[in-house]
Amino acid sequence: MPHLQFDLSFRPPAEAKRRFSAAVVKHFAEAMDTGTDHVAVVLRCHEPEDLALGRAAHPERGIALLNADIRDGRTPAQRRQFALAVIGELETAFSVPRENVYVVYGDHDGEAFQFSDRVLPSWTPGEDPLAGDGSGGAGQG
């Protein structure tokens, strides 16, 4: 289950947050070759002075930081594809300059991601980890 945690130096309206989160889920599924039901997105909205990014030439136009905790196994190309998609989405949705976005990945074994009915397996191409009944795998049942 990817846990995609955004820290934003601005406060978008609720509907804009919902649209952005849905777009992020779609970008993740496409770039990372997986389903969508297990993708978690968090938007933490702060005051402009609460976030700083050294390379941000115009911090008043917004800063966005993404901490993306994902399962091991994604290629550098997949990571780059998703990062660029998110950076583009932030620019489109909220007018955040591309140079004001920072994406950091944290990699974890599948067993680090747990639901009430299952432990996620390690990532495999084209999988949908919530397809099926959740009756198999480590720590289940």
C-alpha atoms as a PDB file:
ATOM      1  CA  MET A   1       0.000   0.000   0.000  1.00  0.00           C
ATOM      2  CA  PRO A   2       1.714   3.140  -1.011  1.00  0.00           C
ATOM      3  CA  HIS A   3       1.361   5.879   1.568  1.00  0.00           C
ATOM      4  CA  LEU A   4       1.714   9.152  -0.335  1.00  0.00           C
ATOM      5  CA  GLN A   5       2.095  12.028   2.116  1.00  0.00           C
ATOM      6  CA  PHE A   6       1.969  15.547   0.719  1.00  0.00           C
ATOM      7  CA  ASP A   7       2.899  18.622   2.705  1.00  0.00           C
ATOM      8  CA  LEU A   8       1.613  21.793   1.040  1.00  0.00           C
ATOM      9  CA  SER A   9       2.372  25.422   1.908  1.00  0.00           C
ATOM     10  CA  PHE A  10      -1.162  26.452   0.937  1.00  0.00           C
ATOM     11  CA  ARG A  11      -4.763  25.426   1.609  1.00  0.00           C
ATOM     12  CA  PRO A  12      -6.729  24.404  -1.496  1.00  0.00           C
ATOM     13  CA  PRO A  13     -10.524  24.063  -1.403  1.00  0.00           C
ATOM     14  CA  ALA A  14     -11.945  20.643  -0.516  1.00  0.00           C
ATOM     15  CA  GLU A  15     -13.077  19.785  -4.056  1.00  0.00           C
ATOM     16  CA  ALA A  16      -9.646  20.662  -5.480  1.00  0.00           C
ATOM     17  CA  LYS A  17      -8.053  18.351  -2.901  1.00  0.00           C
ATOM     18  CA  ARG A  18     -10.396  15.501  -3.876  1.00  0.00           C
ATOM     19  CA  ARG A  19      -9.637  15.944  -7.591  1.00  0.00           C
ATOM     20  CA  PHE A  20      -5.907  16.132  -6.938  1.00  0.00           C
ATOM     21  CA  SER A  21      -5.930  13.010  -4.730  1.00  0.00           C
ATOM     22  CA  ALA A  22      -7.880  11.054  -7.370  1.00  0.00           C
ATOM     23  CA  ALA A  23      -5.399  12.137 -10.049  1.00  0.00           C
ATOM     24  CA  VAL A  24      -2.455  11.071  -7.857  1.00  0.00           C
ATOM     25  CA  VAL A  25      -3.990   7.619  -7.345  1.00  0.00           C
ATOM     26  CA  LYS A  26      -4.415   7.248 -11.111  1.00  0.00           C
ATOM     27  CA  HIS A  27      -0.844   8.399 -11.809  1.00  0.00           C
ATOM     28  CA  PHE A  28       0.493   5.959  -9.217  1.00  0.00           C
ATOM     29  CA  ALA A  29      -1.401   2.985 -10.645  1.00  0.00           C
ATOM     30  CA  GLU A  30      -0.224   3.789 -14.174  1.00  0.00           C
ATOM     31  CA  ALA A  31       3.420   4.457 -13.348  1.00  0.00           C
ATOM     32  CA  MET A  32       3.814   1.682 -10.802  1.00  0.00           C
ATOM     33  CA  ASP A  33       1.835  -0.977 -12.694  1.00  0.00           C
ATOM     34  CA  THR A  34      -0.604  -1.815  -9.914  1.00  0.00           C
ATOM     35  CA  GLY A  35      -4.239  -1.453  -8.818  1.00  0.00           C
ATOM     36  CA  THR A  36      -5.743   1.541  -7.029  1.00  0.00           C
ATOM     37  CA  ASP A  37      -7.668   0.216  -4.010  1.00  0.00           C
ATOM     38  CA  HIS A  38      -4.600   0.124  -1.776  1.00  0.00           C
ATOM     39  CA  VAL A  39      -3.255   3.625  -2.579  1.00  0.00           C
ATOM     40  CA  ALA A  40      -3.409   6.053   0.381  1.00  0.00           C
ATOM     41  CA  VAL A  41      -3.018   9.810  -0.123  1.00  0.00           C
ATOM     42  CA  VAL A  42      -2.617  12.353   2.689  1.00  0.00           C
ATOM     43  CA  LEU A  43      -2.682  16.113   2.128  1.00  0.00           C
ATOM     44  CA  ARG A  44      -1.324  18.178   5.004  1.00  0.00           C
ATOM     45  CA  CYS A  45      -1.906  21.874   4.442  1.00  0.00           C
ATOM     46  CA  HIS A  46       0.304  24.377   6.226  1.00  0.00           C
ATOM     47  CA  GLU A  47       0.790  28.096   6.421  1.00  0.00           C
ATOM     48  CA  PRO A  48       3.230  29.424   3.785  1.00  0.00           C
ATOM     49  CA  GLU A  49       5.923  30.099   6.385  1.00  0.00           C
ATOM     50  CA  ASP A  50       5.759  26.516   7.697  1.00  0.00           C
ATOM     51  CA  LEU A  51       7.562  24.941   4.701  1.00  0.00           C
ATOM     52  CA  ALA A  52      10.847  25.849   3.069  1.00  0.00           C
ATOM     53  CA  LEU A  53      12.676  24.407   0.090  1.00  0.00           C
ATOM     54  CA  GLY A  54      16.085  25.866  -0.680  1.00  0.00           C
ATOM     55  CA  ARG A  55      15.697  25.745  -4.456  1.00  0.00           C
ATOM     56  CA  ALA A  56      12.212  27.346  -4.488  1.00  0.00           C
ATOM     57  CA  ALA A  57      12.728  30.635  -6.337  1.00  0.00           C
ATOM     58  CA  HIS A  58       9.162  31.767  -5.631  1.00  0.00           C
ATOM     59  CA  PRO A  59       7.983  30.092  -2.404  1.00  0.00           C
ATOM     60  CA  GLU A  60       4.983  32.445  -2.306  1.00  0.00           C
ATOM     61  CA  ARG A  61       3.588  30.464  -5.268  1.00  0.00           C
ATOM     62  CA  GLY A  62       3.507  27.317  -3.149  1.00  0.00           C
ATOM     63  CA  ILE A  63       5.803  24.534  -2.025  1.00  0.00           C
ATOM     64  CA  ALA A  64       4.899  20.850  -2.132  1.00  0.00           C
ATOM     65  CA  LEU A  65       6.819  17.996  -0.536  1.00  0.00           C
ATOM     66  CA  LEU A  66       5.924  14.351  -1.190  1.00  0.00           C
ATOM     67  CA  ASN A  67       7.093  11.498   1.016  1.00  0.00           C
ATOM     68  CA  ALA A  68       6.181   8.370  -0.947  1.00  0.00           C
ATOM     69  CA  ASP A  69       6.402   5.146   1.060  1.00  0.00           C
ATOM     70  CA  ILE A  70       6.159   2.329  -1.485  1.00  0.00           C
ATOM     71  CA  ARG A  71       6.857  -1.390  -1.748  1.00  0.00           C
ATOM     72  CA  ASP A  72      10.302  -2.479  -2.950  1.00  0.00           C
ATOM     73  CA  GLY A  73      10.828  -3.445  -6.561  1.00  0.00           C
ATOM     74  CA  ARG A  74       9.915  -0.408  -8.642  1.00  0.00           C
ATOM     75  CA  THR A  75      12.401   0.568 -11.312  1.00  0.00           C
ATOM     76  CA  PRO A  76      14.119   3.956 -11.480  1.00  0.00           C
ATOM     77  CA  ALA A  77      12.052   4.655 -14.629  1.00  0.00           C
ATOM     78  CA  GLN A  78       8.776   3.961 -12.771  1.00  0.00           C
ATOM     79  CA  ARG A  79       9.829   6.214  -9.902  1.00  0.00           C
ATOM     80  CA  ARG A  80      10.772   9.010 -12.278  1.00  0.00           C
ATOM     81  CA  GLN A  81       7.539   8.631 -14.255  1.00  0.00           C
ATOM     82  CA  PHE A  82       5.458   8.954 -11.092  1.00  0.00           C
ATOM     83  CA  ALA A  83       7.510  11.848  -9.706  1.00  0.00           C
ATOM     84  CA  LEU A  84       7.167  13.805 -12.959  1.00  0.00           C
ATOM     85  CA  ALA A  85       3.431  13.044 -13.125  1.00  0.00           C
ATOM     86  CA  VAL A  86       2.936  14.348  -9.575  1.00  0.00           C
ATOM     87  CA  ILE A  87       5.048  17.427 -10.245  1.00  0.00           C
ATOM     88  CA  GLY A  88       2.981  18.137 -13.347  1.00  0.00           C
ATOM     89  CA  GLU A  89      -0.280  17.548 -11.457  1.00  0.00           C
ATOM     90  CA  LEU A  90       0.745  20.003  -8.733  1.00  0.00           C
ATOM     91  CA  GLU A  91       1.538  22.581 -11.401  1.00  0.00           C
ATOM     92  CA  THR A  92      -1.775  22.005 -13.211  1.00  0.00           C
ATOM     93  CA  ALA A  93      -4.022  21.732 -10.156  1.00  0.00           C
ATOM     94  CA  PHE A  94      -2.491  24.359  -7.882  1.00  0.00           C
ATOM     95  CA  SER A  95      -0.004  26.367 -10.012  1.00  0.00           C
ATOM     96  CA  VAL A  96       2.939  25.173  -7.912  1.00  0.00           C
ATOM     97  CA  PRO A  97       6.142  25.843  -9.872  1.00  0.00           C
ATOM     98  CA  ARG A  98       7.908  22.616 -10.808  1.00  0.00           C
ATOM     99  CA  GLU A  99      11.104  23.697  -9.023  1.00  0.00           C
ATOM    100  CA  ASN A 100       9.076  24.097  -5.801  1.00  0.00           C
ATOM    101  CA  VAL A 101       8.304  20.369  -5.558  1.00  0.00           C
ATOM    102  CA  TYR A 102      10.431  17.722  -3.851  1.00  0.00           C
ATOM    103  CA  VAL A 103       9.662  13.975  -4.022  1.00  0.00           C
ATOM    104  CA  VAL A 104      11.324  11.492  -1.657  1.00  0.00           C
ATOM    105  CA  TYR A 105      10.809   7.713  -1.818  1.00  0.00           C
ATOM    106  CA  GLY A 106      10.960   5.296   1.087  1.00  0.00           C
ATOM    107  CA  ASP A 107      11.086   1.600   0.143  1.00  0.00           C
ATOM    108  CA  HIS A 108       9.594  -1.173   2.249  1.00  0.00           C
ATOM    109  CA  ASP A 109       8.974  -4.911   2.018  1.00  0.00           C
ATOM    110  CA  GLY A 110       5.345  -5.795   1.311  1.00  0.00           C
ATOM    111  CA  GLU A 111       4.848  -6.998   4.879  1.00  0.00           C
ATOM    112  CA  ALA A 112       5.312  -3.421   6.116  1.00  0.00           C
ATOM    113  CA  PHE A 113       1.886  -2.588   4.610  1.00  0.00           C
ATOM    114  CA  GLN A 114      -0.984  -4.128   6.538  1.00  0.00           C
ATOM    115  CA  PHE A 115      -4.785  -3.983   6.404  1.00  0.00           C
ATOM    116  CA  SER A 116      -7.276  -5.576   8.795  1.00  0.00           C
ATOM    117  CA  ASP A 117      -7.738  -8.576   6.498  1.00  0.00           C
ATOM    118  CA  ARG A 118      -4.328  -9.021   4.884  1.00  0.00           C
ATOM    119  CA  VAL A 119      -0.658  -8.225   4.675  1.00  0.00           C
ATOM    120  CA  LEU A 120       0.408  -7.008   1.263  1.00  0.00           C
ATOM    121  CA  PRO A 121       2.805  -9.186  -0.700  1.00  0.00           C
ATOM    122  CA  SER A 122       5.966  -7.917  -2.291  1.00  0.00           C
ATOM    123  CA  TRP A 123       5.258  -5.994  -5.477  1.00  0.00           C
ATOM    124  CA  THR A 124       5.096  -7.814  -8.812  1.00  0.00           C
ATOM    125  CA  PRO A 125       4.435  -6.221 -12.228  1.00  0.00           C
ATOM    126  CA  GLY A 126       0.767  -5.868 -13.152  1.00  0.00           C
ATOM    127  CA  GLU A 127      -0.546  -6.963  -9.784  1.00  0.00           C
ATOM    128  CA  ASP A 128      -3.562  -5.747  -7.866  1.00  0.00           C
ATOM    129  CA  PRO A 129      -2.801  -6.618  -4.243  1.00  0.00           C
ATOM    130  CA  LEU A 130      -6.400  -6.270  -3.064  1.00  0.00           C
ATOM    131  CA  ALA A 131      -7.881  -8.458  -5.779  1.00  0.00           C
ATOM    132  CA  GLY A 132      -9.062 -11.721  -4.286  1.00  0.00           C
ATOM    133  CA  ASP A 133     -10.230 -12.578  -0.813  1.00  0.00           C
ATOM    134  CA  GLY A 134      -7.121 -11.864   1.224  1.00  0.00           C
ATOM    135  CA  SER A 135      -6.996 -15.433   2.532  1.00  0.00           C
ATOM    136  CA  GLY A 136      -3.403 -16.176   1.570  1.00  0.00           C
ATOM    137  CA  GLY A 137       0.006 -14.792   2.344  1.00  0.00           C
ATOM    138  CA  ALA A 138       2.159 -14.023   5.339  1.00  0.00           C
ATOM    139  CA  GLY A 139       0.418 -13.147   8.556  1.00  0.00           C
ATOM    140  CA  GLN A 140      -3.075 -13.751   7.217  1.00  0.00           C
ATOM    141  CA  GLY A 141      -5.897 -15.973   8.108  1.00  0.00           C
END
